Structure formats: structure tokens, C-alpha cells
Amino acid sequence: MTTIQTSYYARYKGENAVSIALSKPQWYTNCREYKKLAPSWAPLNKYKQNKDEEFYIEQYYKDVLDKLDPKQVYEELGEDAVLLCWEKSGEFCHRRLVGVWLENKLGIEIKEFTL
């Protein structure tokens, strides 16, 4: 069985790509968008200024994840989706927050895509 994975635009070029960012690169046309998981502009801009991860996590849950049903999100994404945003592997980003949220709520494992 396959499961949802995470990655970033510059690394993943395969099928099942799903952008969960506010915007995607213009050159990246091989993906669908799932805006329900996109962060809000205000907390994102504040994070870019002060790098306060705790604030960002709290706001992302409040603004986005707490309003969603994880089972419905999983079903809408599809079990073989690869969730994409801008940050490279290992950098702080919301796709990892989504992965942890799905893991905790559904008891599944979400891994970062590797070549």
C-alpha cells in the first residue's frame, strides 16, 4: 500500500503532486492544488520576519487544521498524493505540520519523498 508523502517543488516532478501552498511556481504545471491546506498570509508573513515557529504552528492549527476533518482531507488528497510546498527537506514548513497532523489523527505514516 502506498501512502501520502511530502516534498517540495524543486525535488518532486512525478505524478500525484498536490500543491498545498498559497501559490506554486509558474513552471510547475504537473500538479493539482489543494488550497484547504494552504497557510494564511498574515501568519506566514510574520513567520518570515521573526522565524517564530511556535507562533506559526499555533496559528496554522487555529486557521487551517482545526477547521478540517483529517479523514475527509485524506480521502480528497488520495492515498498516493505527494504534498508539495516551497521549502527544501529539513527546513521548517507547513507540509510537515500536515504530515504530523494526519499521522496523529489517522494513525498513518507520512514520509518525505526521497529519490
PDB file of N, CA and C in Angstrom:
ATOM      1  N   MET A   1       0.837  -1.183   0.000  1.00  0.00           N
ATOM      2  CA  MET A   1       0.000   0.000   0.000  1.00  0.00           C
ATOM      3  C   MET A   1       0.882   1.247   0.000  1.00  0.00           C
ATOM      4  N   THR A   2       0.503   2.194  -0.803  1.00  0.00           N
ATOM      5  CA  THR A   2       1.202   3.471  -0.792  1.00  0.00           C
ATOM      6  C   THR A   2       0.506   4.411   0.179  1.00  0.00           C
ATOM      7  N   THR A   3       1.181   5.465   0.532  1.00  0.00           N
ATOM      8  CA  THR A   3       0.592   6.445   1.426  1.00  0.00           C
ATOM      9  C   THR A   3       1.043   7.834   1.012  1.00  0.00           C
ATOM     10  N   ILE A   4       0.430   8.814   1.577  1.00  0.00           N
ATOM     11  CA  ILE A   4       0.779  10.191   1.280  1.00  0.00           C
ATOM     12  C   ILE A   4       2.238  10.437   1.658  1.00  0.00           C
ATOM     13  N   GLN A   5       2.904  11.224   0.819  1.00  0.00           N
ATOM     14  CA  GLN A   5       4.266  11.655   1.073  1.00  0.00           C
ATOM     15  C   GLN A   5       4.309  13.181   0.993  1.00  0.00           C
ATOM     16  N   THR A   6       5.439  13.753   1.394  1.00  0.00           N
ATOM     17  CA  THR A   6       5.646  15.188   1.265  1.00  0.00           C
ATOM     18  C   THR A   6       6.921  15.447   0.482  1.00  0.00           C
ATOM     19  N   SER A   7       7.008  16.619  -0.139  1.00  0.00           N
ATOM     20  CA  SER A   7       8.212  17.014  -0.856  1.00  0.00           C
ATOM     21  C   SER A   7       8.118  18.501  -1.176  1.00  0.00           C
ATOM     22  N   TYR A   8       8.999  18.958  -2.068  1.00  0.00           N
ATOM     23  CA  TYR A   8       8.979  20.353  -2.487  1.00  0.00           C
ATOM     24  C   TYR A   8       9.099  20.422  -4.003  1.00  0.00           C
ATOM     25  N   TYR A   9       8.706  21.561  -4.544  1.00  0.00           N
ATOM     26  CA  TYR A   9       8.590  21.706  -5.998  1.00  0.00           C
ATOM     27  C   TYR A   9       9.870  21.351  -6.746  1.00  0.00           C
ATOM     28  N   ALA A  10      11.014  21.798  -6.257  1.00  0.00           N
ATOM     29  CA  ALA A  10      12.265  21.568  -6.981  1.00  0.00           C
ATOM     30  C   ALA A  10      12.684  20.099  -6.986  1.00  0.00           C
ATOM     31  N   ARG A  11      12.185  19.299  -6.065  1.00  0.00           N
ATOM     32  CA  ARG A  11      12.588  17.894  -5.994  1.00  0.00           C
ATOM     33  C   ARG A  11      11.604  16.969  -6.701  1.00  0.00           C
ATOM     34  N   TYR A  12      10.323  17.147  -6.473  1.00  0.00           N
ATOM     35  CA  TYR A  12       9.348  16.163  -6.953  1.00  0.00           C
ATOM     36  C   TYR A  12       8.705  16.617  -8.255  1.00  0.00           C
ATOM     37  N   LYS A  13       8.846  15.786  -9.279  1.00  0.00           N
ATOM     38  CA  LYS A  13       8.278  16.095 -10.592  1.00  0.00           C
ATOM     39  C   LYS A  13       7.337  14.998 -11.079  1.00  0.00           C
ATOM     40  N   GLY A  14       6.994  14.078 -10.219  1.00  0.00           N
ATOM     41  CA  GLY A  14       6.204  12.920 -10.625  1.00  0.00           C
ATOM     42  C   GLY A  14       4.706  13.144 -10.604  1.00  0.00           C
ATOM     43  N   GLU A  15       4.026  12.058 -10.833  1.00  0.00           N
ATOM     44  CA  GLU A  15       2.564  12.071 -10.785  1.00  0.00           C
ATOM     45  C   GLU A  15       2.106  12.212  -9.342  1.00  0.00           C
ATOM     46  N   ASN A  16       0.860  12.523  -9.171  1.00  0.00           N
ATOM     47  CA  ASN A  16       0.216  12.624  -7.857  1.00  0.00           C
ATOM     48  C   ASN A  16       0.680  13.821  -7.039  1.00  0.00           C
ATOM     49  N   ALA A  17       1.310  14.797  -7.677  1.00  0.00           N
ATOM     50  CA  ALA A  17       1.748  16.006  -6.990  1.00  0.00           C
ATOM     51  C   ALA A  17       0.541  16.860  -6.622  1.00  0.00           C
ATOM     52  N   VAL A  18       0.550  17.354  -5.380  1.00  0.00           N
ATOM     53  CA  VAL A  18      -0.528  18.214  -4.895  1.00  0.00           C
ATOM     54  C   VAL A  18       0.096  19.410  -4.192  1.00  0.00           C
ATOM     55  N   SER A  19      -0.103  20.586  -4.753  1.00  0.00           N
ATOM     56  CA  SER A  19       0.389  21.806  -4.117  1.00  0.00           C
ATOM     57  C   SER A  19      -0.525  22.159  -2.951  1.00  0.00           C
ATOM     58  N   ILE A  20       0.082  22.392  -1.769  1.00  0.00           N
ATOM     59  CA  ILE A  20      -0.703  22.821  -0.610  1.00  0.00           C
ATOM     60  C   ILE A  20      -0.251  24.212  -0.161  1.00  0.00           C
ATOM     61  N   ALA A  21       0.431  24.918  -1.032  1.00  0.00           N
ATOM     62  CA  ALA A  21       0.924  26.260  -0.740  1.00  0.00           C
ATOM     63  C   ALA A  21      -0.081  27.305  -1.223  1.00  0.00           C
ATOM     64  N   LEU A  22       0.156  28.543  -0.820  1.00  0.00           N
ATOM     65  CA  LEU A  22      -0.691  29.634  -1.288  1.00  0.00           C
ATOM     66  C   LEU A  22      -0.533  29.845  -2.785  1.00  0.00           C
ATOM     67  N   SER A  23       0.672  29.582  -3.286  1.00  0.00           N
ATOM     68  CA  SER A  23       0.930  29.674  -4.719  1.00  0.00           C
ATOM     69  C   SER A  23       1.973  28.631  -5.083  1.00  0.00           C
ATOM     70  N   LYS A  24       2.038  28.326  -6.354  1.00  0.00           N
ATOM     71  CA  LYS A  24       3.044  27.379  -6.821  1.00  0.00           C
ATOM     72  C   LYS A  24       3.859  28.055  -7.913  1.00  0.00           C
ATOM     73  N   PRO A  25       5.030  27.537  -8.220  1.00  0.00           N
ATOM     74  CA  PRO A  25       5.833  28.134  -9.283  1.00  0.00           C
ATOM     75  C   PRO A  25       5.086  28.081 -10.613  1.00  0.00           C
ATOM     76  N   GLN A  26       5.224  29.111 -11.410  1.00  0.00           N
ATOM     77  CA  GLN A  26       4.548  29.133 -12.717  1.00  0.00           C
ATOM     78  C   GLN A  26       4.993  27.974 -13.599  1.00  0.00           C
ATOM     79  N   TRP A  27       6.239  27.580 -13.460  1.00  0.00           N
ATOM     80  CA  TRP A  27       6.765  26.496 -14.284  1.00  0.00           C
ATOM     81  C   TRP A  27       6.266  25.124 -13.844  1.00  0.00           C
ATOM     82  N   TYR A  28       5.675  25.045 -12.649  1.00  0.00           N
ATOM     83  CA  TYR A  28       5.239  23.744 -12.133  1.00  0.00           C
ATOM     84  C   TYR A  28       3.784  23.527 -12.534  1.00  0.00           C
ATOM     85  N   THR A  29       3.595  22.837 -13.624  1.00  0.00           N
ATOM     86  CA  THR A  29       2.242  22.637 -14.148  1.00  0.00           C
ATOM     87  C   THR A  29       1.713  21.232 -13.905  1.00  0.00           C
ATOM     88  N   ASN A  30       2.567  20.330 -13.435  1.00  0.00           N
ATOM     89  CA  ASN A  30       2.192  18.927 -13.265  1.00  0.00           C
ATOM     90  C   ASN A  30       1.659  18.648 -11.858  1.00  0.00           C
ATOM     91  N   CYS A  31       0.699  19.459 -11.406  1.00  0.00           N
ATOM     92  CA  CYS A  31       0.129  19.164 -10.103  1.00  0.00           C
ATOM     93  C   CYS A  31      -1.248  19.804  -9.971  1.00  0.00           C
ATOM     94  N   ARG A  32      -2.000  19.241  -9.079  1.00  0.00           N
ATOM     95  CA  ARG A  32      -3.266  19.876  -8.730  1.00  0.00           C
ATOM     96  C   ARG A  32      -3.046  20.673  -7.453  1.00  0.00           C
ATOM     97  N   GLU A  33      -3.980  21.531  -7.120  1.00  0.00           N
ATOM     98  CA  GLU A  33      -3.846  22.355  -5.928  1.00  0.00           C
ATOM     99  C   GLU A  33      -4.917  21.975  -4.913  1.00  0.00           C
ATOM    100  N   TYR A  34      -4.534  21.986  -3.650  1.00  0.00           N
ATOM    101  CA  TYR A  34      -5.454  21.709  -2.554  1.00  0.00           C
ATOM    102  C   TYR A  34      -5.316  22.859  -1.567  1.00  0.00           C
ATOM    103  N   LYS A  35      -6.061  23.916  -1.842  1.00  0.00           N
ATOM    104  CA  LYS A  35      -5.940  25.172  -1.094  1.00  0.00           C
ATOM    105  C   LYS A  35      -6.428  25.065   0.346  1.00  0.00           C
ATOM    106  N   LYS A  36      -7.193  24.035   0.679  1.00  0.00           N
ATOM    107  CA  LYS A  36      -7.660  23.884   2.056  1.00  0.00           C
ATOM    108  C   LYS A  36      -6.504  23.783   3.045  1.00  0.00           C
ATOM    109  N   LEU A  37      -5.349  23.325   2.593  1.00  0.00           N
ATOM    110  CA  LEU A  37      -4.186  23.163   3.468  1.00  0.00           C
ATOM    111  C   LEU A  37      -3.181  24.309   3.352  1.00  0.00           C
ATOM    112  N   ALA A  38      -3.487  25.296   2.541  1.00  0.00           N
ATOM    113  CA  ALA A  38      -2.585  26.446   2.394  1.00  0.00           C
ATOM    114  C   ALA A  38      -2.625  27.307   3.656  1.00  0.00           C
ATOM    115  N   PRO A  39      -1.482  27.833   4.055  1.00  0.00           N
ATOM    116  CA  PRO A  39      -1.462  28.702   5.243  1.00  0.00           C
ATOM    117  C   PRO A  39      -2.106  30.054   4.936  1.00  0.00           C
ATOM    118  N   SER A  40      -2.437  30.778   5.986  1.00  0.00           N
ATOM    119  CA  SER A  40      -2.952  32.137   5.837  1.00  0.00           C
ATOM    120  C   SER A  40      -1.777  33.089   5.620  1.00  0.00           C
ATOM    121  N   TRP A  41      -2.016  34.184   4.889  1.00  0.00           N
ATOM    122  CA  TRP A  41      -0.937  35.130   4.583  1.00  0.00           C
ATOM    123  C   TRP A  41      -0.350  35.782   5.820  1.00  0.00           C
ATOM    124  N   ALA A  42      -1.191  36.265   6.741  1.00  0.00           N
ATOM    125  CA  ALA A  42      -0.687  37.040   7.885  1.00  0.00           C
ATOM    126  C   ALA A  42       0.317  36.258   8.739  1.00  0.00           C
ATOM    127  N   PRO A  43      -0.019  35.041   9.197  1.00  0.00           N
ATOM    128  CA  PRO A  43       0.969  34.293   9.992  1.00  0.00           C
ATOM    129  C   PRO A  43       2.216  33.927   9.184  1.00  0.00           C
ATOM    130  N   LEU A  44       2.035  33.650   7.903  1.00  0.00           N
ATOM    131  CA  LEU A  44       3.173  33.311   7.056  1.00  0.00           C
ATOM    132  C   LEU A  44       4.128  34.500   6.953  1.00  0.00           C
ATOM    133  N   ASN A  45       3.596  35.676   6.700  1.00  0.00           N
ATOM    134  CA  ASN A  45       4.437  36.873   6.611  1.00  0.00           C
ATOM    135  C   ASN A  45       5.125  37.169   7.943  1.00  0.00           C
ATOM    136  N   LYS A  46       4.401  37.001   9.043  1.00  0.00           N
ATOM    137  CA  LYS A  46       5.003  37.233  10.360  1.00  0.00           C
ATOM    138  C   LYS A  46       6.138  36.239  10.604  1.00  0.00           C
ATOM    139  N   TYR A  47       5.923  34.970  10.225  1.00  0.00           N
ATOM    140  CA  TYR A  47       6.971  33.964  10.392  1.00  0.00           C
ATOM    141  C   TYR A  47       8.210  34.330   9.574  1.00  0.00           C
ATOM    142  N   LYS A  48       7.995  34.801   8.363  1.00  0.00           N
ATOM    143  CA  LYS A  48       9.136  35.170   7.517  1.00  0.00           C
ATOM    144  C   LYS A  48       9.959  36.294   8.146  1.00  0.00           C
ATOM    145  N   GLN A  49       9.304  37.145   8.925  1.00  0.00           N
ATOM    146  CA  GLN A  49      10.003  38.256   9.576  1.00  0.00           C
ATOM    147  C   GLN A  49      10.730  37.828  10.843  1.00  0.00           C
ATOM    148  N   ASN A  50      10.076  37.010  11.695  1.00  0.00           N
ATOM    149  CA  ASN A  50      10.658  36.728  13.008  1.00  0.00           C
ATOM    150  C   ASN A  50      11.048  35.265  13.251  1.00  0.00           C
ATOM    151  N   LYS A  51      10.712  34.383  12.335  1.00  0.00           N
ATOM    152  CA  LYS A  51      11.053  32.948  12.445  1.00  0.00           C
ATOM    153  C   LYS A  51      10.526  32.297  13.722  1.00  0.00           C
ATOM    154  N   ASP A  52       9.396  32.782  14.229  1.00  0.00           N
ATOM    155  CA  ASP A  52       8.784  32.236  15.445  1.00  0.00           C
ATOM    156  C   ASP A  52       7.956  31.002  15.071  1.00  0.00           C
ATOM    157  N   GLU A  53       8.586  29.842  15.142  1.00  0.00           N
ATOM    158  CA  GLU A  53       7.932  28.602  14.741  1.00  0.00           C
ATOM    159  C   GLU A  53       6.731  28.276  15.632  1.00  0.00           C
ATOM    160  N   GLU A  54       6.857  28.509  16.931  1.00  0.00           N
ATOM    161  CA  GLU A  54       5.764  28.212  17.851  1.00  0.00           C
ATOM    162  C   GLU A  54       4.507  29.014  17.490  1.00  0.00           C
ATOM    163  N   PHE A  55       4.669  30.298  17.220  1.00  0.00           N
ATOM    164  CA  PHE A  55       3.545  31.138  16.808  1.00  0.00           C
ATOM    165  C   PHE A  55       2.928  30.606  15.519  1.00  0.00           C
ATOM    166  N   TYR A  56       3.785  30.288  14.549  1.00  0.00           N
ATOM    167  CA  TYR A  56       3.293  29.819  13.254  1.00  0.00           C
ATOM    168  C   TYR A  56       2.495  28.522  13.408  1.00  0.00           C
ATOM    169  N   ILE A  57       3.026  27.587  14.176  1.00  0.00           N
ATOM    170  CA  ILE A  57       2.338  26.308  14.384  1.00  0.00           C
ATOM    171  C   ILE A  57       0.971  26.547  15.020  1.00  0.00           C
ATOM    172  N   GLU A  58       0.932  27.360  16.058  1.00  0.00           N
ATOM    173  CA  GLU A  58      -0.332  27.667  16.736  1.00  0.00           C
ATOM    174  C   GLU A  58      -1.339  28.290  15.771  1.00  0.00           C
ATOM    175  N   GLN A  59      -0.879  29.241  14.978  1.00  0.00           N
ATOM    176  CA  GLN A  59      -1.775  29.915  14.029  1.00  0.00           C
ATOM    177  C   GLN A  59      -2.214  28.979  12.903  1.00  0.00           C
ATOM    178  N   TYR A  60      -1.309  28.126  12.437  1.00  0.00           N
ATOM    179  CA  TYR A  60      -1.664  27.204  11.354  1.00  0.00           C
ATOM    180  C   TYR A  60      -2.735  26.219  11.816  1.00  0.00           C
ATOM    181  N   TYR A  61      -2.596  25.714  13.020  1.00  0.00           N
ATOM    182  CA  TYR A  61      -3.642  24.838  13.558  1.00  0.00           C
ATOM    183  C   TYR A  61      -4.958  25.597  13.697  1.00  0.00           C
ATOM    184  N   LYS A  62      -4.901  26.785  14.281  1.00  0.00           N
ATOM    185  CA  LYS A  62      -6.110  27.575  14.508  1.00  0.00           C
ATOM    186  C   LYS A  62      -6.788  27.963  13.191  1.00  0.00           C
ATOM    187  N   ASP A  63      -6.006  28.443  12.235  1.00  0.00           N
ATOM    188  CA  ASP A  63      -6.554  28.953  10.972  1.00  0.00           C
ATOM    189  C   ASP A  63      -6.917  27.856   9.975  1.00  0.00           C
ATOM    190  N   VAL A  64      -6.220  26.734  10.040  1.00  0.00           N
ATOM    191  CA  VAL A  64      -6.372  25.720   8.983  1.00  0.00           C
ATOM    192  C   VAL A  64      -6.765  24.349   9.541  1.00  0.00           C
ATOM    193  N   LEU A  65      -5.856  23.692  10.224  1.00  0.00           N
ATOM    194  CA  LEU A  65      -6.053  22.279  10.570  1.00  0.00           C
ATOM    195  C   LEU A  65      -7.227  22.029  11.503  1.00  0.00           C
ATOM    196  N   ASP A  66      -7.434  22.894  12.482  1.00  0.00           N
ATOM    197  CA  ASP A  66      -8.539  22.684  13.418  1.00  0.00           C
ATOM    198  C   ASP A  66      -9.907  22.785  12.760  1.00  0.00           C
ATOM    199  N   LYS A  67      -9.961  23.331  11.563  1.00  0.00           N
ATOM    200  CA  LYS A  67     -11.229  23.502  10.843  1.00  0.00           C
ATOM    201  C   LYS A  67     -11.508  22.353   9.871  1.00  0.00           C
ATOM    202  N   LEU A  68     -10.571  21.431   9.766  1.00  0.00           N
ATOM    203  CA  LEU A  68     -10.683  20.361   8.778  1.00  0.00           C
ATOM    204  C   LEU A  68     -10.892  19.000   9.432  1.00  0.00           C
ATOM    205  N   ASP A  69     -11.516  18.112   8.682  1.00  0.00           N
ATOM    206  CA  ASP A  69     -11.686  16.712   9.077  1.00  0.00           C
ATOM    207  C   ASP A  69     -10.544  15.922   8.429  1.00  0.00           C
ATOM    208  N   PRO A  70      -9.626  15.361   9.222  1.00  0.00           N
ATOM    209  CA  PRO A  70      -8.473  14.681   8.638  1.00  0.00           C
ATOM    210  C   PRO A  70      -8.847  13.512   7.724  1.00  0.00           C
ATOM    211  N   LYS A  71      -9.879  12.786   8.054  1.00  0.00           N
ATOM    212  CA  LYS A  71     -10.298  11.667   7.197  1.00  0.00           C
ATOM    213  C   LYS A  71     -10.772  12.178   5.843  1.00  0.00           C
ATOM    214  N   GLN A  72     -11.531  13.251   5.838  1.00  0.00           N
ATOM    215  CA  GLN A  72     -12.003  13.837   4.579  1.00  0.00           C
ATOM    216  C   GLN A  72     -10.830  14.373   3.760  1.00  0.00           C
ATOM    217  N   VAL A  73      -9.888  15.027   4.428  1.00  0.00           N
ATOM    218  CA  VAL A  73      -8.700  15.545   3.739  1.00  0.00           C
ATOM    219  C   VAL A  73      -7.941  14.397   3.086  1.00  0.00           C
ATOM    220  N   TYR A  74      -7.713  13.329   3.833  1.00  0.00           N
ATOM    221  CA  TYR A  74      -7.003  12.165   3.304  1.00  0.00           C
ATOM    222  C   TYR A  74      -7.719  11.603   2.081  1.00  0.00           C
ATOM    223  N   GLU A  75      -9.022  11.471   2.170  1.00  0.00           N
ATOM    224  CA  GLU A  75      -9.797  10.932   1.049  1.00  0.00           C
ATOM    225  C   GLU A  75      -9.742  11.851  -0.163  1.00  0.00           C
ATOM    226  N   GLU A  76      -9.812  13.155   0.055  1.00  0.00           N
ATOM    227  CA  GLU A  76      -9.767  14.103  -1.064  1.00  0.00           C
ATOM    228  C   GLU A  76      -8.379  14.166  -1.701  1.00  0.00           C
ATOM    229  N   LEU A  77      -7.342  14.022  -0.893  1.00  0.00           N
ATOM    230  CA  LEU A  77      -5.984  14.031  -1.435  1.00  0.00           C
ATOM    231  C   LEU A  77      -5.687  12.749  -2.205  1.00  0.00           C
ATOM    232  N   GLY A  78      -6.141  11.639  -1.694  1.00  0.00           N
ATOM    233  CA  GLY A  78      -5.820  10.337  -2.280  1.00  0.00           C
ATOM    234  C   GLY A  78      -4.608   9.756  -1.584  1.00  0.00           C
ATOM    235  N   GLU A  79      -4.614   8.445  -1.393  1.00  0.00           N
ATOM    236  CA  GLU A  79      -3.580   7.815  -0.576  1.00  0.00           C
ATOM    237  C   GLU A  79      -2.190   7.856  -1.194  1.00  0.00           C
ATOM    238  N   ASP A  80      -2.079   8.175  -2.480  1.00  0.00           N
ATOM    239  CA  ASP A  80      -0.762   8.233  -3.106  1.00  0.00           C
ATOM    240  C   ASP A  80      -0.338   9.665  -3.437  1.00  0.00           C
ATOM    241  N   ALA A  81      -0.973  10.661  -2.831  1.00  0.00           N
ATOM    242  CA  ALA A  81      -0.638  12.063  -3.064  1.00  0.00           C
ATOM    243  C   ALA A  81       0.753  12.388  -2.522  1.00  0.00           C
ATOM    244  N   VAL A  82       1.412  13.324  -3.186  1.00  0.00           N
ATOM    245  CA  VAL A  82       2.679  13.867  -2.714  1.00  0.00           C
ATOM    246  C   VAL A  82       2.443  15.357  -2.491  1.00  0.00           C
ATOM    247  N   LEU A  83       2.420  15.775  -1.228  1.00  0.00           N
ATOM    248  CA  LEU A  83       2.106  17.147  -0.856  1.00  0.00           C
ATOM    249  C   LEU A  83       3.327  18.038  -1.037  1.00  0.00           C
ATOM    250  N   LEU A  84       3.151  19.124  -1.768  1.00  0.00           N
ATOM    251  CA  LEU A  84       4.275  19.989  -2.112  1.00  0.00           C
ATOM    252  C   LEU A  84       4.111  21.407  -1.576  1.00  0.00           C
ATOM    253  N   CYS A  85       5.246  21.977  -1.178  1.00  0.00           N
ATOM    254  CA  CYS A  85       5.345  23.404  -0.908  1.00  0.00           C
ATOM    255  C   CYS A  85       6.751  23.836  -1.312  1.00  0.00           C
ATOM    256  N   TRP A  86       7.180  24.985  -0.876  1.00  0.00           N
ATOM    257  CA  TRP A  86       8.413  25.604  -1.364  1.00  0.00           C
ATOM    258  C   TRP A  86       9.686  25.166  -0.648  1.00  0.00           C
ATOM    259  N   GLU A  87       9.614  24.915   0.637  1.00  0.00           N
ATOM    260  CA  GLU A  87      10.818  24.708   1.432  1.00  0.00           C
ATOM    261  C   GLU A  87      11.471  23.348   1.169  1.00  0.00           C
ATOM    262  N   LYS A  88      12.783  23.343   1.182  1.00  0.00           N
ATOM    263  CA  LYS A  88      13.543  22.113   0.984  1.00  0.00           C
ATOM    264  C   LYS A  88      13.352  21.170   2.166  1.00  0.00           C
ATOM    265  N   SER A  89      13.653  19.906   1.949  1.00  0.00           N
ATOM    266  CA  SER A  89      13.586  18.908   3.021  1.00  0.00           C
ATOM    267  C   SER A  89      14.447  19.347   4.194  1.00  0.00           C
ATOM    268  N   GLY A  90      13.900  19.183   5.398  1.00  0.00           N
ATOM    269  CA  GLY A  90      14.621  19.544   6.601  1.00  0.00           C
ATOM    270  C   GLY A  90      14.375  20.965   7.070  1.00  0.00           C
ATOM    271  N   GLU A  91      13.853  21.822   6.210  1.00  0.00           N
ATOM    272  CA  GLU A  91      13.522  23.187   6.606  1.00  0.00           C
ATOM    273  C   GLU A  91      12.131  23.206   7.232  1.00  0.00           C
ATOM    274  N   PHE A  92      11.906  24.141   8.139  1.00  0.00           N
ATOM    275  CA  PHE A  92      10.598  24.289   8.756  1.00  0.00           C
ATOM    276  C   PHE A  92       9.583  24.657   7.682  1.00  0.00           C
ATOM    277  N   CYS A  93       8.450  23.928   7.668  1.00  0.00           N
ATOM    278  CA  CYS A  93       7.393  24.242   6.701  1.00  0.00           C
ATOM    279  C   CYS A  93       6.071  23.613   7.136  1.00  0.00           C
ATOM    280  N   HIS A  94       5.021  24.068   6.524  1.00  0.00           N
ATOM    281  CA  HIS A  94       3.693  23.593   6.909  1.00  0.00           C
ATOM    282  C   HIS A  94       3.385  22.202   6.383  1.00  0.00           C
ATOM    283  N   ARG A  95       4.059  21.736   5.343  1.00  0.00           N
ATOM    284  CA  ARG A  95       3.749  20.382   4.852  1.00  0.00           C
ATOM    285  C   ARG A  95       4.081  19.336   5.899  1.00  0.00           C
ATOM    286  N   ARG A  96       5.121  19.583   6.692  1.00  0.00           N
ATOM    287  CA  ARG A  96       5.459  18.648   7.773  1.00  0.00           C
ATOM    288  C   ARG A  96       4.413  18.711   8.875  1.00  0.00           C
ATOM    289  N   LEU A  97       3.865  19.913   9.132  1.00  0.00           N
ATOM    290  CA  LEU A  97       2.777  20.039  10.101  1.00  0.00           C
ATOM    291  C   LEU A  97       1.576  19.225   9.643  1.00  0.00           C
ATOM    292  N   VAL A  98       1.280  19.279   8.358  1.00  0.00           N
ATOM    293  CA  VAL A  98       0.169  18.494   7.802  1.00  0.00           C
ATOM    294  C   VAL A  98       0.465  17.006   7.972  1.00  0.00           C
ATOM    295  N   GLY A  99       1.688  16.603   7.671  1.00  0.00           N
ATOM    296  CA  GLY A  99       2.061  15.198   7.823  1.00  0.00           C
ATOM    297  C   GLY A  99       1.885  14.698   9.245  1.00  0.00           C
ATOM    298  N   VAL A 100       2.362  15.459  10.207  1.00  0.00           N
ATOM    299  CA  VAL A 100       2.236  15.074  11.620  1.00  0.00           C
ATOM    300  C   VAL A 100       0.762  15.045  12.021  1.00  0.00           C
ATOM    301  N   TRP A 101      -0.001  16.014  11.578  1.00  0.00           N
ATOM    302  CA  TRP A 101      -1.443  16.078  11.881  1.00  0.00           C
ATOM    303  C   TRP A 101      -2.150  14.827  11.359  1.00  0.00           C
ATOM    304  N   LEU A 102      -1.887  14.447  10.107  1.00  0.00           N
ATOM    305  CA  LEU A 102      -2.508  13.247   9.542  1.00  0.00           C
ATOM    306  C   LEU A 102      -2.033  11.993  10.275  1.00  0.00           C
ATOM    307  N   GLU A 103      -0.753  11.931  10.595  1.00  0.00           N
ATOM    308  CA  GLU A 103      -0.232  10.778  11.336  1.00  0.00           C
ATOM    309  C   GLU A 103      -0.946  10.628  12.677  1.00  0.00           C
ATOM    310  N   ASN A 104      -1.042  11.720  13.415  1.00  0.00           N
ATOM    311  CA  ASN A 104      -1.658  11.682  14.746  1.00  0.00           C
ATOM    312  C   ASN A 104      -3.153  11.395  14.692  1.00  0.00           C
ATOM    313  N   LYS A 105      -3.836  11.950  13.732  1.00  0.00           N
ATOM    314  CA  LYS A 105      -5.296  11.794  13.656  1.00  0.00           C
ATOM    315  C   LYS A 105      -5.723  10.467  13.038  1.00  0.00           C
ATOM    316  N   LEU A 106      -4.924   9.951  12.096  1.00  0.00           N
ATOM    317  CA  LEU A 106      -5.341   8.763  11.343  1.00  0.00           C
ATOM    318  C   LEU A 106      -4.488   7.527  11.618  1.00  0.00           C
ATOM    319  N   GLY A 107      -3.400   7.691  12.359  1.00  0.00           N
ATOM    320  CA  GLY A 107      -2.548   6.548  12.655  1.00  0.00           C
ATOM    321  C   GLY A 107      -1.804   6.023  11.445  1.00  0.00           C
ATOM    322  N   ILE A 108      -1.465   6.911  10.522  1.00  0.00           N
ATOM    323  CA  ILE A 108      -0.703   6.518   9.335  1.00  0.00           C
ATOM    324  C   ILE A 108       0.658   7.179   9.385  1.00  0.00           C
ATOM    325  N   GLU A 109       1.541   6.776   8.492  1.00  0.00           N
ATOM    326  CA  GLU A 109       2.879   7.364   8.436  1.00  0.00           C
ATOM    327  C   GLU A 109       3.010   8.184   7.162  1.00  0.00           C
ATOM    328  N   ILE A 110       3.476   9.411   7.312  1.00  0.00           N
ATOM    329  CA  ILE A 110       3.700  10.315   6.182  1.00  0.00           C
ATOM    330  C   ILE A 110       5.197  10.568   6.116  1.00  0.00           C
ATOM    331  N   LYS A 111       5.833  10.178   5.030  1.00  0.00           N
ATOM    332  CA  LYS A 111       7.282  10.324   4.882  1.00  0.00           C
ATOM    333  C   LYS A 111       7.606  11.385   3.835  1.00  0.00           C
ATOM    334  N   GLU A 112       8.793  11.935   3.951  1.00  0.00           N
ATOM    335  CA  GLU A 112       9.315  12.850   2.941  1.00  0.00           C
ATOM    336  C   GLU A 112       9.788  12.014   1.745  1.00  0.00           C
ATOM    337  N   PHE A 113       9.414  12.431   0.559  1.00  0.00           N
ATOM    338  CA  PHE A 113       9.812  11.740  -0.659  1.00  0.00           C
ATOM    339  C   PHE A 113      11.326  11.786  -0.802  1.00  0.00           C
ATOM    340  N   THR A 114      11.911  10.660  -1.139  1.00  0.00           N
ATOM    341  CA  THR A 114      13.331  10.583  -1.444  1.00  0.00           C
ATOM    342  C   THR A 114      13.511   9.973  -2.819  1.00  0.00           C
ATOM    343  N   LEU A 115      14.551  10.375  -3.483  1.00  0.00           N
ATOM    344  CA  LEU A 115      14.819   9.874  -4.840  1.00  0.00           C
ATOM    345  C   LEU A 115      15.269   8.434  -4.820  1.00  0.00           C
TER     346      LEU A 115
END
